[in-house]
Amino acid sequence: MDLRCMKFELSVYAKELNYHKVSFPFGVLYLCDNFFISEIFSEIHLNEDKIFKIVETLVDYYGKNAKVCYISNRVNSYSSTPQLWVKALEENDIFSSGAIVYYSLSGLMNFEIENYICPKEMRSFNTLSAAIEWVKNKTCVSEN
């Protein structure tokens, strides 16, 4: 892992924020009050089943009508199909905006593709801290 990579649980924010940790065989979600952070494990492909499991978990936790911000903290290399996220969001419109934390040039290039496809506001960051500060200043409203 690159020394610049910062996993959420190793960050100062893990001590400052209230969160609920949800572990899957393919990664971890950290559900904070009005946003969540995902850290997907290395070499995973987020297929339709995994994406819908994530969205189902978010709806169960935050509520069907919630609008939450998300942070994809890409500390590991993995793949997904952006069109599957669009499909999942058409069925459960829970995301208000998103932040992608990238730690490599390929991560930035992936963000550019995802940003083009995704109908939601997205921003890229090269540190987890900057992404968290951005979503904390957004109006991300939860039912929970």
C-alpha atoms as a PDB file:
ATOM      1  CA  MET A   1       0.000   0.000   0.000  1.00  0.00           C
ATOM      2  CA  ASP A   2       1.211   3.488  -0.899  1.00  0.00           C
ATOM      3  CA  LEU A   3       2.256   5.513   2.154  1.00  0.00           C
ATOM      4  CA  ARG A   4      -0.178   8.254   1.102  1.00  0.00           C
ATOM      5  CA  CYS A   5      -3.087   5.808   1.336  1.00  0.00           C
ATOM      6  CA  MET A   6      -5.105   6.241   4.484  1.00  0.00           C
ATOM      7  CA  LYS A   7      -7.642   3.706   5.626  1.00  0.00           C
ATOM      8  CA  PHE A   8     -10.530   5.252   7.501  1.00  0.00           C
ATOM      9  CA  GLU A   9      -9.968   3.308  10.737  1.00  0.00           C
ATOM     10  CA  LEU A  10      -6.361   4.533  10.859  1.00  0.00           C
ATOM     11  CA  SER A  11      -7.385   8.161  10.406  1.00  0.00           C
ATOM     12  CA  VAL A  12      -8.121  10.764  13.056  1.00  0.00           C
ATOM     13  CA  TYR A  13     -11.709  10.839  11.777  1.00  0.00           C
ATOM     14  CA  ALA A  14     -12.348   7.314  13.078  1.00  0.00           C
ATOM     15  CA  LYS A  15     -11.905   8.747  16.567  1.00  0.00           C
ATOM     16  CA  GLU A  16     -13.879  11.945  15.885  1.00  0.00           C
ATOM     17  CA  LEU A  17     -16.925  10.653  13.996  1.00  0.00           C
ATOM     18  CA  ASN A  18     -19.730   8.366  15.096  1.00  0.00           C
ATOM     19  CA  TYR A  19     -19.968   5.486  12.658  1.00  0.00           C
ATOM     20  CA  HIS A  20     -21.273   1.971  12.206  1.00  0.00           C
ATOM     21  CA  LYS A  21     -18.971  -0.532  10.479  1.00  0.00           C
ATOM     22  CA  VAL A  22     -20.489  -3.054   8.065  1.00  0.00           C
ATOM     23  CA  SER A  23     -18.191  -5.803   6.771  1.00  0.00           C
ATOM     24  CA  PHE A  24     -18.773  -7.791   3.600  1.00  0.00           C
ATOM     25  CA  PRO A  25     -16.611 -10.492   2.000  1.00  0.00           C
ATOM     26  CA  PHE A  26     -15.709  -7.875  -0.640  1.00  0.00           C
ATOM     27  CA  GLY A  27     -15.107  -4.765   1.481  1.00  0.00           C
ATOM     28  CA  VAL A  28     -16.152  -2.528   4.350  1.00  0.00           C
ATOM     29  CA  LEU A  29     -18.642   0.324   4.718  1.00  0.00           C
ATOM     30  CA  TYR A  30     -18.336   2.961   7.424  1.00  0.00           C
ATOM     31  CA  LEU A  31     -21.796   4.473   7.921  1.00  0.00           C
ATOM     32  CA  CYS A  32     -21.488   7.948   9.433  1.00  0.00           C
ATOM     33  CA  ASP A  33     -24.379  10.287  10.259  1.00  0.00           C
ATOM     34  CA  ASN A  34     -24.899  11.824   6.805  1.00  0.00           C
ATOM     35  CA  PHE A  35     -22.345  10.080   4.634  1.00  0.00           C
ATOM     36  CA  PHE A  36     -20.616   6.763   4.263  1.00  0.00           C
ATOM     37  CA  ILE A  37     -17.153   5.601   3.288  1.00  0.00           C
ATOM     38  CA  SER A  38     -16.467   2.463   1.284  1.00  0.00           C
ATOM     39  CA  GLU A  39     -13.186   0.564   1.207  1.00  0.00           C
ATOM     40  CA  ILE A  40     -13.349  -2.320  -1.244  1.00  0.00           C
ATOM     41  CA  PHE A  41     -10.799  -5.118  -0.949  1.00  0.00           C
ATOM     42  CA  SER A  42      -8.021  -5.673  -3.467  1.00  0.00           C
ATOM     43  CA  GLU A  43      -8.721  -7.476  -6.758  1.00  0.00           C
ATOM     44  CA  ILE A  44     -12.507  -7.478  -6.229  1.00  0.00           C
ATOM     45  CA  HIS A  45     -14.930  -6.874  -9.082  1.00  0.00           C
ATOM     46  CA  LEU A  46     -18.076  -5.122  -7.876  1.00  0.00           C
ATOM     47  CA  ASN A  47     -20.709  -6.965  -9.859  1.00  0.00           C
ATOM     48  CA  GLU A  48     -24.442  -6.301  -9.806  1.00  0.00           C
ATOM     49  CA  ASP A  49     -25.069  -8.492  -6.729  1.00  0.00           C
ATOM     50  CA  LYS A  50     -22.412  -6.696  -4.677  1.00  0.00           C
ATOM     51  CA  ILE A  51     -23.546  -3.234  -5.773  1.00  0.00           C
ATOM     52  CA  PHE A  52     -27.172  -3.982  -4.942  1.00  0.00           C
ATOM     53  CA  LYS A  53     -26.101  -5.429  -1.554  1.00  0.00           C
ATOM     54  CA  ILE A  54     -24.326  -2.142  -0.784  1.00  0.00           C
ATOM     55  CA  VAL A  55     -27.352  -0.071  -1.819  1.00  0.00           C
ATOM     56  CA  GLU A  56     -29.721  -2.343   0.137  1.00  0.00           C
ATOM     57  CA  THR A  57     -27.555  -1.928   3.248  1.00  0.00           C
ATOM     58  CA  LEU A  58     -27.595   1.861   2.845  1.00  0.00           C
ATOM     59  CA  VAL A  59     -31.373   1.986   2.415  1.00  0.00           C
ATOM     60  CA  ASP A  60     -31.841  -0.244   5.482  1.00  0.00           C
ATOM     61  CA  TYR A  61     -29.565   1.988   7.581  1.00  0.00           C
ATOM     62  CA  TYR A  62     -30.419   5.500   6.359  1.00  0.00           C
ATOM     63  CA  GLY A  63     -33.994   5.016   5.113  1.00  0.00           C
ATOM     64  CA  LYS A  64     -35.556   4.779   1.662  1.00  0.00           C
ATOM     65  CA  ASN A  65     -35.952   8.549   1.213  1.00  0.00           C
ATOM     66  CA  ALA A  66     -32.531   9.522   2.566  1.00  0.00           C
ATOM     67  CA  LYS A  67     -29.977  11.437   0.527  1.00  0.00           C
ATOM     68  CA  VAL A  68     -26.443  10.713   1.657  1.00  0.00           C
ATOM     69  CA  CYS A  69     -23.013  11.596   0.345  1.00  0.00           C
ATOM     70  CA  TYR A  70     -20.538   8.844  -0.266  1.00  0.00           C
ATOM     71  CA  ILE A  71     -16.785   8.560  -0.232  1.00  0.00           C
ATOM     72  CA  SER A  72     -15.100   5.796  -2.183  1.00  0.00           C
ATOM     73  CA  ASN A  73     -11.732   5.494  -0.435  1.00  0.00           C
ATOM     74  CA  ARG A  74      -9.771   3.554  -3.033  1.00  0.00           C
ATOM     75  CA  VAL A  75      -6.938   2.220  -0.921  1.00  0.00           C
ATOM     76  CA  ASN A  76      -6.996  -1.006  -2.957  1.00  0.00           C
ATOM     77  CA  SER A  77      -7.164  -1.804  -6.643  1.00  0.00           C
ATOM     78  CA  TYR A  78     -10.557  -3.181  -7.679  1.00  0.00           C
ATOM     79  CA  SER A  79     -13.001  -2.855 -10.543  1.00  0.00           C
ATOM     80  CA  SER A  80     -16.652  -2.100 -11.110  1.00  0.00           C
ATOM     81  CA  THR A  81     -18.973  -1.288 -13.965  1.00  0.00           C
ATOM     82  CA  PRO A  82     -20.223   2.311 -13.586  1.00  0.00           C
ATOM     83  CA  GLN A  83     -23.407   1.531 -15.523  1.00  0.00           C
ATOM     84  CA  LEU A  84     -24.397  -0.926 -12.769  1.00  0.00           C
ATOM     85  CA  TRP A  85     -24.182   1.893 -10.217  1.00  0.00           C
ATOM     86  CA  VAL A  86     -26.413   4.038 -12.436  1.00  0.00           C
ATOM     87  CA  LYS A  87     -28.918   1.150 -12.622  1.00  0.00           C
ATOM     88  CA  ALA A  88     -28.861   0.681  -8.841  1.00  0.00           C
ATOM     89  CA  LEU A  89     -29.384   4.407  -8.290  1.00  0.00           C
ATOM     90  CA  GLU A  90     -32.354   4.455 -10.648  1.00  0.00           C
ATOM     91  CA  GLU A  91     -34.045   1.973  -8.318  1.00  0.00           C
ATOM     92  CA  ASN A  92     -32.883   3.574  -5.035  1.00  0.00           C
ATOM     93  CA  ASP A  93     -31.948   7.228  -5.389  1.00  0.00           C
ATOM     94  CA  ILE A  94     -30.087   7.443  -2.076  1.00  0.00           C
ATOM     95  CA  PHE A  95     -26.874   9.258  -3.112  1.00  0.00           C
ATOM     96  CA  SER A  96     -26.818  13.044  -3.227  1.00  0.00           C
ATOM     97  CA  SER A  97     -23.173  13.354  -4.259  1.00  0.00           C
ATOM     98  CA  GLY A  98     -19.921  11.454  -4.142  1.00  0.00           C
ATOM     99  CA  ALA A  99     -16.226  11.814  -3.519  1.00  0.00           C
ATOM    100  CA  ILE A 100     -13.620   9.494  -4.970  1.00  0.00           C
ATOM    101  CA  VAL A 101     -10.288   9.308  -3.162  1.00  0.00           C
ATOM    102  CA  TYR A 102      -7.649   8.112  -5.591  1.00  0.00           C
ATOM    103  CA  TYR A 103      -4.031   7.262  -4.883  1.00  0.00           C
ATOM    104  CA  SER A 104      -2.757   6.655  -8.423  1.00  0.00           C
ATOM    105  CA  LEU A 105      -2.973   8.078 -11.924  1.00  0.00           C
ATOM    106  CA  SER A 106      -5.142   5.143 -13.002  1.00  0.00           C
ATOM    107  CA  GLY A 107      -7.479   5.948 -10.116  1.00  0.00           C
ATOM    108  CA  LEU A 108      -7.842   9.506 -11.378  1.00  0.00           C
ATOM    109  CA  MET A 109      -8.498   8.248 -14.907  1.00  0.00           C
ATOM    110  CA  ASN A 110     -11.190   5.882 -13.584  1.00  0.00           C
ATOM    111  CA  PHE A 111     -12.781   8.822 -11.773  1.00  0.00           C
ATOM    112  CA  GLU A 112     -12.948  10.813 -15.010  1.00  0.00           C
ATOM    113  CA  ILE A 113     -14.851   7.974 -16.701  1.00  0.00           C
ATOM    114  CA  GLU A 114     -17.201   7.510 -13.737  1.00  0.00           C
ATOM    115  CA  ASN A 115     -17.818  11.249 -13.489  1.00  0.00           C
ATOM    116  CA  TYR A 116     -18.852  11.301 -17.137  1.00  0.00           C
ATOM    117  CA  ILE A 117     -21.356   8.457 -16.635  1.00  0.00           C
ATOM    118  CA  CYS A 118     -22.714   9.228 -13.164  1.00  0.00           C
ATOM    119  CA  PRO A 119     -25.723  11.578 -12.988  1.00  0.00           C
ATOM    120  CA  LYS A 120     -24.749  12.804  -9.488  1.00  0.00           C
ATOM    121  CA  GLU A 121     -22.249  15.467  -8.463  1.00  0.00           C
ATOM    122  CA  MET A 122     -18.837  13.870  -8.009  1.00  0.00           C
ATOM    123  CA  ARG A 123     -15.478  15.247  -6.934  1.00  0.00           C
ATOM    124  CA  SER A 124     -12.045  13.664  -6.840  1.00  0.00           C
ATOM    125  CA  PHE A 125      -9.554  13.984  -4.001  1.00  0.00           C
ATOM    126  CA  ASN A 126      -6.092  12.618  -3.351  1.00  0.00           C
ATOM    127  CA  THR A 127      -6.524  12.469   0.436  1.00  0.00           C
ATOM    128  CA  LEU A 128      -9.236  10.988   2.615  1.00  0.00           C
ATOM    129  CA  SER A 129      -9.147  14.080   4.844  1.00  0.00           C
ATOM    130  CA  ALA A 130     -10.017  16.417   1.971  1.00  0.00           C
ATOM    131  CA  ALA A 131     -12.897  14.169   0.893  1.00  0.00           C
ATOM    132  CA  ILE A 132     -14.321  13.974   4.420  1.00  0.00           C
ATOM    133  CA  GLU A 133     -14.116  17.744   4.860  1.00  0.00           C
ATOM    134  CA  TRP A 134     -15.889  18.223   1.519  1.00  0.00           C
ATOM    135  CA  VAL A 135     -18.796  15.902   2.378  1.00  0.00           C
ATOM    136  CA  LYS A 136     -19.077  17.359   5.887  1.00  0.00           C
ATOM    137  CA  ASN A 137     -19.676  20.767   4.269  1.00  0.00           C
ATOM    138  CA  LYS A 138     -22.266  19.403   1.826  1.00  0.00           C
ATOM    139  CA  THR A 139     -25.959  19.277   2.587  1.00  0.00           C
ATOM    140  CA  CYS A 140     -26.290  15.519   2.912  1.00  0.00           C
ATOM    141  CA  VAL A 141     -29.566  14.802   4.654  1.00  0.00           C
ATOM    142  CA  SER A 142     -30.430  11.486   6.236  1.00  0.00           C
ATOM    143  CA  GLU A 143     -33.755  10.103   7.440  1.00  0.00           C
ATOM    144  CA  ASN A 144     -31.943   8.308  10.234  1.00  0.00           C
END
